[in-house]
Amino acid sequence: GVPAEEHERFFREMLADIDEPTLPFGLAQVQGDGRGIAEVTESVGQVLSLRLRTQARLLGVSAASLVHLAWAQVLSMATGQKDVVFGTVLLGRMQGGEGADRALGMFINTLPVRVPVDGQSVRDAVRMTHGRLTGLLGHEHASLALAQRCSGVAAPTPLFSALLNYRHSATQVTDEVMSAWSGMQMLSSEERTNYPLTLNVDDLGDDFSLTVQVAAQIGAQRISGYMQVALQSLVDALERAPQTPVRSLTVLPQAERRQLLETWNASDAVYADDALIHGQFEAWAAAQPDTVAVVFEDRTLTYAALDQA
């Protein structure tokens, strides 16, 4: 029942100045068929889950808001952008009209949400994310095409290629349910979307379960590790220093951090520590003047030529 003009006004306010798509790891194919996807499912753990719920309650927001902000941290790291956009799955039945709760079929919709990961405090970032998600609920039946048109990213370039599906999955198995399933058994099940990076978060009531589906060359276990660290660093900051800038929070596990900063930077080469770099260059140019120093397209410069430039 929401007029298209209201949908457009809402999404223009949120997306009008976004002129760069959010494509983590350069994944730009959003019309995939689910092949070549790796998947992993991990528990967040009841201790961390309880801490997340406690902080959400203290701030008067939903646990989903903290999860969305943590996912934005991961995407910010994977894109180098401080203002990320990703798809979030909406139930669709809340504004579905009378009888929607009893109707069969798929009501879900995917719409973009914008989450800045910048200098604002962690506490403010959580509240801002909650406000944006709350506002999005009033537009859950808008079309994704309309939302993208309200941004500065022109089709056919996708506005985003990552998806977050937060769902309440706690179920109580009653005798009636067991009776209904009598004589049947589950053989297999598989979930896939057309997006190359999907995070399904199952809210189990006491714990959270993370299921990552991503192009195999990226590594589902790797993404799950980023999300676990993002949740941990977020709740640590909310408990100890809620004024911490959200952009300063880490998503890298310690093992990968050591690999990036130490292992890959380890070198057995010994450099003189008593000479300025320009002096070392001059000495090298004198020793090997005709060795090629720079290559650009079909042009080259030797050390001697570069030293004289």
Protein backbone atom coordinates (compact mmCIF):
# COMPACT_ATOMS: atom_id res chain seq x y z
CA GLY A 1 0.00 0.00 0.00
CA VAL A 2 3.01 2.36 0.02
CA PRO A 3 3.05 4.60 -3.08
CA ALA A 4 6.02 4.22 -5.43
CA GLU A 5 6.85 7.90 -4.83
CA GLU A 6 7.43 7.20 -1.13
CA HIS A 7 9.65 4.23 -1.92
CA GLU A 8 11.66 6.40 -4.30
CA ARG A 9 11.98 9.23 -1.78
CA PHE A 10 13.27 6.83 0.89
CA PHE A 11 15.87 5.15 -1.31
CA ARG A 12 17.04 8.41 -2.88
CA GLU A 13 17.71 9.79 0.57
CA MET A 14 19.76 6.70 1.42
CA LEU A 15 21.52 6.01 -1.87
CA ALA A 16 21.59 9.10 -4.09
CA ASP A 17 25.28 9.89 -3.46
CA ILE A 18 26.46 6.28 -3.80
CA ASP A 19 28.28 6.13 -7.14
CA GLU A 20 30.50 3.09 -6.51
CA PRO A 21 29.14 -0.45 -6.17
CA THR A 22 30.03 -2.60 -3.16
CA LEU A 23 31.69 -5.64 -4.73
CA PRO A 24 33.72 -7.51 -2.08
CA PHE A 25 36.81 -9.27 -3.47
CA GLY A 26 35.79 -7.94 -6.89
CA LEU A 27 32.84 -10.36 -7.09
CA ALA A 28 30.51 -8.70 -9.59
CA GLN A 29 28.41 -11.57 -11.00
CA VAL A 30 25.00 -11.32 -9.34
CA GLN A 31 23.15 -13.57 -11.77
CA GLY A 32 24.85 -16.82 -10.83
CA ASP A 33 23.23 -20.24 -10.76
CA GLY A 34 24.77 -21.44 -7.47
CA ARG A 35 27.57 -23.46 -9.01
CA GLY A 36 31.15 -23.04 -7.79
CA ILE A 37 29.96 -22.01 -4.32
CA ALA A 38 31.68 -23.17 -1.13
CA GLU A 39 29.73 -23.34 2.13
CA VAL A 40 30.53 -23.55 5.83
CA THR A 41 28.33 -23.38 8.94
CA GLU A 42 29.67 -22.39 12.36
CA SER A 43 28.22 -21.54 15.74
CA VAL A 44 28.96 -18.14 17.26
CA GLY A 45 28.90 -19.74 20.70
CA GLN A 46 26.54 -19.12 23.60
CA VAL A 47 28.95 -16.90 25.54
CA LEU A 48 29.50 -14.41 22.72
CA SER A 49 25.84 -14.69 21.69
CA LEU A 50 24.71 -13.72 25.20
CA ARG A 51 27.08 -10.75 25.22
CA LEU A 52 25.70 -9.59 21.87
CA ARG A 53 22.11 -9.84 23.09
CA THR A 54 22.98 -8.02 26.32
CA GLN A 55 24.52 -5.08 24.44
CA ALA A 56 21.57 -4.95 22.04
CA ARG A 57 19.16 -4.83 24.96
CA LEU A 58 21.16 -2.08 26.73
CA LEU A 59 21.11 0.04 23.57
CA GLY A 60 17.43 -0.64 22.88
CA VAL A 61 18.12 -2.18 19.47
CA SER A 62 17.73 -5.60 17.88
CA ALA A 63 20.50 -8.18 17.83
CA ALA A 64 20.08 -8.10 14.05
CA SER A 65 21.38 -4.52 14.06
CA LEU A 66 24.68 -5.63 15.61
CA VAL A 67 24.96 -8.45 13.08
CA HIS A 68 24.34 -6.07 10.17
CA LEU A 69 27.01 -3.67 11.46
CA ALA A 70 29.53 -6.52 11.87
CA TRP A 71 28.81 -7.67 8.30
CA ALA A 72 29.38 -4.10 7.10
CA GLN A 73 32.80 -4.21 8.81
CA VAL A 74 33.69 -7.36 6.86
CA LEU A 75 32.54 -5.86 3.55
CA SER A 76 34.42 -2.63 4.26
CA MET A 77 37.61 -4.63 4.70
CA ALA A 78 36.92 -6.67 1.55
CA THR A 79 36.28 -3.59 -0.62
CA GLY A 80 38.40 -0.84 0.92
CA GLN A 81 35.26 1.32 1.12
CA LYS A 82 34.10 3.21 4.19
CA ASP A 83 30.49 3.34 3.02
CA VAL A 84 29.13 -0.07 2.04
CA VAL A 85 25.84 -1.25 0.59
CA PHE A 86 24.60 -4.83 0.76
CA GLY A 87 21.36 -6.69 0.35
CA THR A 88 19.28 -7.65 3.37
CA VAL A 89 16.42 -10.13 3.22
CA LEU A 90 13.02 -8.92 4.42
CA LEU A 91 10.17 -11.19 5.45
CA GLY A 92 7.55 -9.40 3.36
CA ARG A 93 4.58 -10.53 5.45
CA MET A 94 4.65 -7.72 7.99
CA GLN A 95 3.11 -5.29 5.47
CA GLY A 96 1.48 -8.03 3.39
CA GLY A 97 -2.07 -7.16 4.30
CA GLU A 98 -4.84 -9.10 6.03
CA GLY A 99 -4.38 -12.85 5.88
CA ALA A 100 -0.72 -12.69 4.80
CA ASP A 101 0.26 -14.72 7.86
CA ARG A 102 -1.84 -17.64 6.58
CA ALA A 103 -1.00 -17.39 2.89
CA LEU A 104 1.30 -19.92 1.24
CA GLY A 105 4.22 -18.88 -0.94
CA MET A 106 7.33 -16.73 -0.88
CA PHE A 107 6.87 -13.21 0.45
CA ILE A 108 10.58 -12.48 0.96
CA ASN A 109 12.27 -9.55 -0.73
CA THR A 110 15.88 -8.38 -0.94
CA LEU A 111 16.63 -4.67 -0.65
CA PRO A 112 19.79 -2.61 -0.19
CA VAL A 113 20.89 -1.17 3.12
CA ARG A 114 23.70 1.35 3.43
CA VAL A 115 26.00 1.19 6.46
CA PRO A 116 28.93 3.61 6.87
CA VAL A 117 32.05 2.24 8.56
CA ASP A 118 33.85 5.47 9.38
CA GLY A 119 34.77 7.72 12.28
CA GLN A 120 31.49 7.56 14.17
CA SER A 121 31.51 5.78 17.51
CA VAL A 122 30.58 2.13 17.79
CA ARG A 123 27.53 3.02 19.90
CA ASP A 124 26.30 5.59 17.35
CA ALA A 125 26.97 3.18 14.48
CA VAL A 126 24.80 0.51 16.10
CA ARG A 127 21.93 2.94 16.64
CA MET A 128 22.24 4.30 13.11
CA THR A 129 22.16 0.78 11.66
CA HIS A 130 19.09 -0.07 13.74
CA GLY A 131 17.32 3.09 12.55
CA ARG A 132 18.10 2.32 8.93
CA LEU A 133 16.78 -1.25 9.22
CA THR A 134 13.65 -0.04 10.99
CA GLY A 135 13.02 2.48 8.22
CA LEU A 136 13.54 -0.20 5.58
CA LEU A 137 10.69 -2.29 7.02
CA GLY A 138 8.17 0.27 5.79
CA HIS A 139 9.40 -0.30 2.24
CA GLU A 140 9.75 -4.09 2.25
CA HIS A 141 7.61 -4.44 -0.87
CA ALA A 142 9.62 -1.98 -2.98
CA SER A 143 11.42 -3.43 -5.96
CA LEU A 144 15.19 -3.82 -6.03
CA ALA A 145 15.24 -2.23 -9.49
CA LEU A 146 13.57 0.89 -8.11
CA ALA A 147 16.05 1.06 -5.23
CA GLN A 148 19.06 0.78 -7.56
CA ARG A 149 17.70 3.52 -9.82
CA CYS A 150 17.76 5.81 -6.79
CA SER A 151 21.53 5.40 -6.47
CA GLY A 152 24.35 6.82 -8.56
CA VAL A 153 25.31 3.34 -9.81
CA ALA A 154 23.90 2.91 -13.30
CA ALA A 155 22.60 -0.46 -14.45
CA PRO A 156 23.71 -3.00 -15.55
CA THR A 157 26.45 -2.58 -12.93
CA PRO A 158 25.04 -4.11 -9.72
CA LEU A 159 24.74 -1.88 -6.67
CA PHE A 160 25.97 -4.71 -4.43
CA SER A 161 27.01 -8.37 -4.65
CA ALA A 162 26.80 -9.48 -1.01
CA LEU A 163 23.70 -10.58 0.86
CA LEU A 164 22.78 -10.94 4.54
CA ASN A 165 19.83 -13.10 5.55
CA TYR A 166 19.04 -12.76 9.27
CA ARG A 167 16.29 -15.14 10.32
CA HIS A 168 14.70 -16.30 13.55
CA SER A 169 15.12 -20.06 13.43
CA ALA A 170 14.38 -21.21 16.98
CA THR A 171 11.73 -23.91 16.76
CA GLN A 172 9.88 -25.98 19.31
CA VAL A 173 9.22 -29.54 18.17
CA THR A 174 5.81 -30.56 19.52
CA ASP A 175 4.08 -33.94 19.45
CA GLU A 176 1.77 -32.55 16.78
CA VAL A 177 4.75 -31.66 14.57
CA MET A 178 6.34 -35.05 15.13
CA SER A 179 3.08 -36.75 14.21
CA ALA A 180 2.81 -34.73 11.00
CA TRP A 181 6.30 -35.86 9.94
CA SER A 182 5.67 -39.51 10.82
CA GLY A 183 6.82 -41.80 8.03
CA MET A 184 8.87 -39.10 6.26
CA GLN A 185 12.58 -38.46 6.34
CA MET A 186 14.83 -35.68 5.10
CA LEU A 187 17.12 -36.88 2.32
CA SER A 188 19.00 -33.67 1.58
CA SER A 189 18.60 -29.93 1.35
CA GLU A 190 20.60 -27.12 -0.22
CA GLU A 191 20.25 -23.35 -0.18
CA ARG A 192 21.64 -21.14 -2.93
CA THR A 193 21.12 -17.59 -4.13
CA ASN A 194 22.21 -15.80 -7.28
CA TYR A 195 24.68 -13.72 -5.22
CA PRO A 196 28.36 -14.76 -5.04
CA LEU A 197 28.61 -13.92 -1.32
CA THR A 198 25.81 -14.76 1.12
CA LEU A 199 25.73 -14.85 4.91
CA ASN A 200 22.78 -16.60 6.55
CA VAL A 201 22.47 -15.85 10.26
CA ASP A 202 20.14 -18.14 12.18
CA ASP A 203 18.95 -16.71 15.49
CA LEU A 204 18.43 -19.84 17.57
CA GLY A 205 17.24 -18.07 20.71
CA ASP A 206 20.35 -18.72 22.79
CA ASP A 207 23.01 -19.02 20.10
CA PHE A 208 23.61 -17.77 16.58
CA SER A 209 24.61 -19.93 13.63
CA LEU A 210 26.54 -18.47 10.69
CA THR A 211 26.34 -20.05 7.24
CA VAL A 212 28.63 -18.55 4.62
CA GLN A 213 28.19 -19.26 0.93
CA VAL A 214 30.82 -17.73 -1.32
CA ALA A 215 32.67 -18.33 -4.56
CA ALA A 216 35.06 -21.20 -3.85
CA GLN A 217 38.21 -19.23 -4.72
CA ILE A 218 37.51 -16.83 -1.83
CA GLY A 219 36.99 -19.46 0.88
CA ALA A 220 33.89 -19.82 3.03
CA GLN A 221 35.89 -20.64 6.17
CA ARG A 222 37.88 -17.46 5.69
CA ILE A 223 34.74 -15.29 5.52
CA SER A 224 33.23 -17.00 8.55
CA GLY A 225 36.42 -16.26 10.48
CA TYR A 226 36.18 -12.58 9.54
CA MET A 227 32.58 -12.44 10.75
CA GLN A 228 33.41 -14.14 14.05
CA VAL A 229 36.19 -11.62 14.73
CA ALA A 230 33.96 -8.70 13.67
CA LEU A 231 31.26 -9.75 16.16
CA GLN A 232 33.87 -10.23 18.89
CA SER A 233 35.56 -6.86 18.33
CA LEU A 234 32.19 -5.12 18.14
CA VAL A 235 30.92 -6.47 21.45
CA ASP A 236 34.32 -5.85 23.12
CA ALA A 237 34.15 -2.20 22.09
CA LEU A 238 30.53 -1.80 23.23
CA GLU A 239 31.40 -3.23 26.64
CA ARG A 240 34.65 -1.38 27.26
CA ALA A 241 34.86 1.70 25.06
CA PRO A 242 31.64 2.49 23.15
CA GLN A 243 33.14 5.76 21.86
CA THR A 244 35.71 3.82 19.83
CA PRO A 245 35.50 4.73 16.10
CA VAL A 246 33.90 1.82 14.29
CA ARG A 247 36.49 2.01 11.51
CA SER A 248 39.23 1.05 13.99
CA LEU A 249 37.71 -2.35 14.80
CA THR A 250 39.44 -5.38 13.32
CA VAL A 251 37.99 -8.31 11.41
CA LEU A 252 41.24 -10.20 10.83
CA PRO A 253 41.91 -13.36 12.85
CA GLN A 254 45.31 -13.35 14.57
CA ALA A 255 46.72 -16.04 12.26
CA GLU A 256 45.92 -14.06 9.10
CA ARG A 257 47.12 -10.83 10.68
CA ARG A 258 50.50 -12.45 11.44
CA GLN A 259 50.65 -13.78 7.91
CA LEU A 260 50.01 -10.35 6.38
CA LEU A 261 52.26 -8.32 8.67
CA GLU A 262 55.05 -10.75 9.53
CA THR A 263 55.23 -13.91 7.41
CA TRP A 264 54.81 -12.27 4.02
CA ASN A 265 57.08 -9.38 5.03
CA ALA A 266 59.89 -11.59 6.30
CA SER A 267 63.10 -11.07 4.31
CA ASP A 268 66.63 -12.39 4.60
CA ALA A 269 68.01 -9.42 2.68
CA VAL A 270 70.32 -7.14 4.63
CA TYR A 271 70.21 -3.44 3.89
CA ALA A 272 72.60 -0.76 4.97
CA ASP A 273 71.14 1.19 7.84
CA ASP A 274 73.72 3.98 7.77
CA ALA A 275 72.99 5.43 4.32
CA LEU A 276 70.07 7.43 2.99
CA ILE A 277 68.04 5.74 0.28
CA HIS A 278 69.04 8.20 -2.45
CA GLY A 279 72.69 7.52 -1.64
CA GLN A 280 72.11 3.77 -1.91
CA PHE A 281 70.41 4.30 -5.29
CA GLU A 282 73.33 6.37 -6.57
CA ALA A 283 75.77 3.66 -5.49
CA TRP A 284 73.71 0.99 -7.28
CA ALA A 285 73.51 3.14 -10.43
CA ALA A 286 77.31 3.53 -10.39
CA ALA A 287 77.81 -0.22 -9.96
CA GLN A 288 75.25 -1.35 -12.59
CA PRO A 289 74.49 1.65 -14.79
CA ASP A 290 73.06 -0.33 -17.73
CA THR A 291 70.68 -2.53 -15.72
CA VAL A 292 67.00 -1.79 -16.42
CA ALA A 293 65.41 0.01 -13.47
CA VAL A 294 61.92 0.94 -14.75
CA VAL A 295 59.60 -0.56 -17.37
CA PHE A 296 56.44 1.20 -18.56
CA GLU A 297 54.58 -0.24 -21.55
CA ASP A 298 57.23 -0.31 -24.32
CA ARG A 299 59.63 2.13 -22.64
CA THR A 300 62.54 1.32 -20.30
CA LEU A 301 64.98 3.32 -18.18
CA THR A 302 68.33 2.13 -16.91
CA TYR A 303 69.66 2.97 -13.47
CA ALA A 304 72.10 5.45 -14.99
CA ALA A 305 69.37 7.23 -16.97
CA LEU A 306 67.05 7.32 -13.96
CA ASP A 307 69.86 8.64 -11.74
CA GLN A 308 70.48 11.48 -14.19
CA ALA A 309 66.78 12.32 -14.64
